[in-house]
Amino acid sequence: MLRYTLMRLGVFAGCLVVVWGLVYSGVAPRGLGDSNGLWVVLLALLVSAPISFVVLRKERDRASERIVRRVERAKANLDANRTQEDAADDTARAQGQAQTS
């Protein structure tokens, strides 16, 4: 997951540099009033999103597979703990009923 995040940040940084160059060279509009910095960042986000979606598809799939495995492992651990608790509760109830009888 960290690798995907760093790759995504790299794509954004590259787009930020390109957009900044285009805005300051006059090819792209400069925004309204004093919004130039925010304009450059938003435009870079808008450009980097589809690029990341296409270019980082394989890495995103790998990251999602890792997340799915972690979630499945956590669910299995919760089920195992729940089963142990149920067994302990059943044993305690059986012992309590045997002592009262």
Protein backbone atom coordinates (compact mmCIF):
# COMPACT_ATOMS: atom_id res chain seq x y z
CA MET A 1 0.00 0.00 0.00
CA LEU A 2 2.86 2.36 0.78
CA ARG A 3 4.38 1.71 -2.62
CA TYR A 4 1.13 2.58 -4.39
CA THR A 5 0.76 5.74 -2.31
CA LEU A 6 4.29 6.85 -3.11
CA MET A 7 3.78 6.14 -6.80
CA ARG A 8 0.55 8.13 -6.74
CA LEU A 9 2.33 11.03 -5.04
CA GLY A 10 5.04 10.83 -7.69
CA VAL A 11 2.49 11.09 -10.49
CA PHE A 12 0.90 14.06 -8.73
CA ALA A 13 4.27 15.77 -8.22
CA GLY A 14 5.12 15.32 -11.89
CA CYS A 15 1.76 16.75 -12.92
CA LEU A 16 2.21 19.63 -10.48
CA VAL A 17 5.54 20.56 -12.08
CA VAL A 18 4.10 20.33 -15.60
CA VAL A 19 0.97 22.34 -14.71
CA TRP A 20 3.05 24.94 -12.88
CA GLY A 21 5.23 25.32 -15.97
CA LEU A 22 2.21 25.64 -18.25
CA VAL A 23 0.54 28.23 -16.02
CA TYR A 24 3.64 30.36 -15.59
CA SER A 25 4.49 30.19 -19.28
CA GLY A 26 1.00 31.43 -20.10
CA VAL A 27 -0.22 28.30 -21.91
CA ALA A 28 -2.78 27.49 -19.19
CA PRO A 29 -4.95 30.15 -17.48
CA ARG A 30 -3.64 31.65 -14.25
CA GLY A 31 -6.87 31.38 -12.24
CA LEU A 32 -8.84 34.21 -10.66
CA GLY A 33 -7.14 36.93 -8.67
CA ASP A 34 -4.86 35.52 -5.97
CA SER A 35 -6.01 31.91 -6.45
CA ASN A 36 -3.01 30.99 -8.60
CA GLY A 37 -1.44 28.51 -6.15
CA LEU A 38 -4.71 26.78 -5.42
CA TRP A 39 -5.52 26.75 -9.14
CA VAL A 40 -2.23 25.01 -9.96
CA VAL A 41 -2.76 22.36 -7.25
CA LEU A 42 -6.37 21.68 -8.27
CA LEU A 43 -5.47 21.47 -11.94
CA ALA A 44 -2.61 19.08 -11.11
CA LEU A 45 -5.02 16.90 -9.09
CA LEU A 46 -7.47 16.89 -11.97
CA VAL A 47 -4.78 15.84 -14.44
CA SER A 48 -3.05 13.29 -12.19
CA ALA A 49 -6.20 11.33 -11.24
CA PRO A 50 -6.91 9.75 -14.65
CA ILE A 51 -3.20 9.24 -15.30
CA SER A 52 -2.83 7.38 -11.99
CA PHE A 53 -5.97 5.38 -12.70
CA VAL A 54 -4.54 4.06 -15.96
CA VAL A 55 -0.81 3.89 -15.25
CA LEU A 56 -0.98 2.44 -11.71
CA ARG A 57 -3.69 -0.16 -12.38
CA LYS A 58 -1.47 -3.19 -11.70
CA GLU A 59 -0.05 -1.72 -8.51
CA ARG A 60 -3.55 -0.76 -7.31
CA ASP A 61 -4.74 -4.33 -7.95
CA ARG A 62 -1.82 -5.72 -5.94
CA ALA A 63 -2.54 -3.34 -3.08
CA SER A 64 -6.22 -4.26 -3.05
CA GLU A 65 -5.37 -7.98 -3.01
CA ARG A 66 -3.17 -7.40 0.05
CA ILE A 67 -5.97 -5.51 1.76
CA VAL A 68 -8.48 -8.28 0.99
CA ARG A 69 -6.09 -10.88 2.46
CA ARG A 70 -5.68 -8.80 5.64
CA VAL A 71 -9.44 -8.39 6.01
CA GLU A 72 -10.02 -12.13 5.50
CA ARG A 73 -7.33 -12.96 8.05
CA ALA A 74 -8.89 -10.52 10.55
CA LYS A 75 -12.33 -12.06 9.98
CA ALA A 76 -10.91 -15.55 10.51
CA ASN A 77 -9.26 -14.43 13.75
CA LEU A 78 -12.51 -12.86 14.95
CA ASP A 79 -14.44 -16.03 14.14
CA ALA A 80 -11.86 -18.14 15.97
CA ASN A 81 -12.07 -15.87 19.02
CA ARG A 82 -15.87 -15.93 18.91
CA THR A 83 -15.84 -19.75 18.75
CA GLN A 84 -13.46 -19.94 21.72
CA GLU A 85 -15.67 -17.55 23.70
CA ASP A 86 -18.78 -19.55 22.85
CA ALA A 87 -17.10 -22.81 23.90
CA ALA A 88 -15.89 -21.26 27.17
CA ASP A 89 -19.36 -19.86 27.85
CA ASP A 90 -21.01 -23.23 27.13
CA THR A 91 -18.54 -24.98 29.43
CA ALA A 92 -19.14 -22.47 32.23
CA ARG A 93 -22.90 -22.80 31.90
CA ALA A 94 -22.70 -26.59 31.89
CA GLN A 95 -20.53 -26.54 35.01
CA GLY A 96 -22.89 -24.06 36.69
CA GLN A 97 -25.92 -26.25 35.94
CA ALA A 98 -24.12 -29.38 37.17
CA GLN A 99 -23.28 -27.71 40.48
CA THR A 100 -26.84 -26.48 41.05
CA SER A 101 -28.39 -29.86 40.26
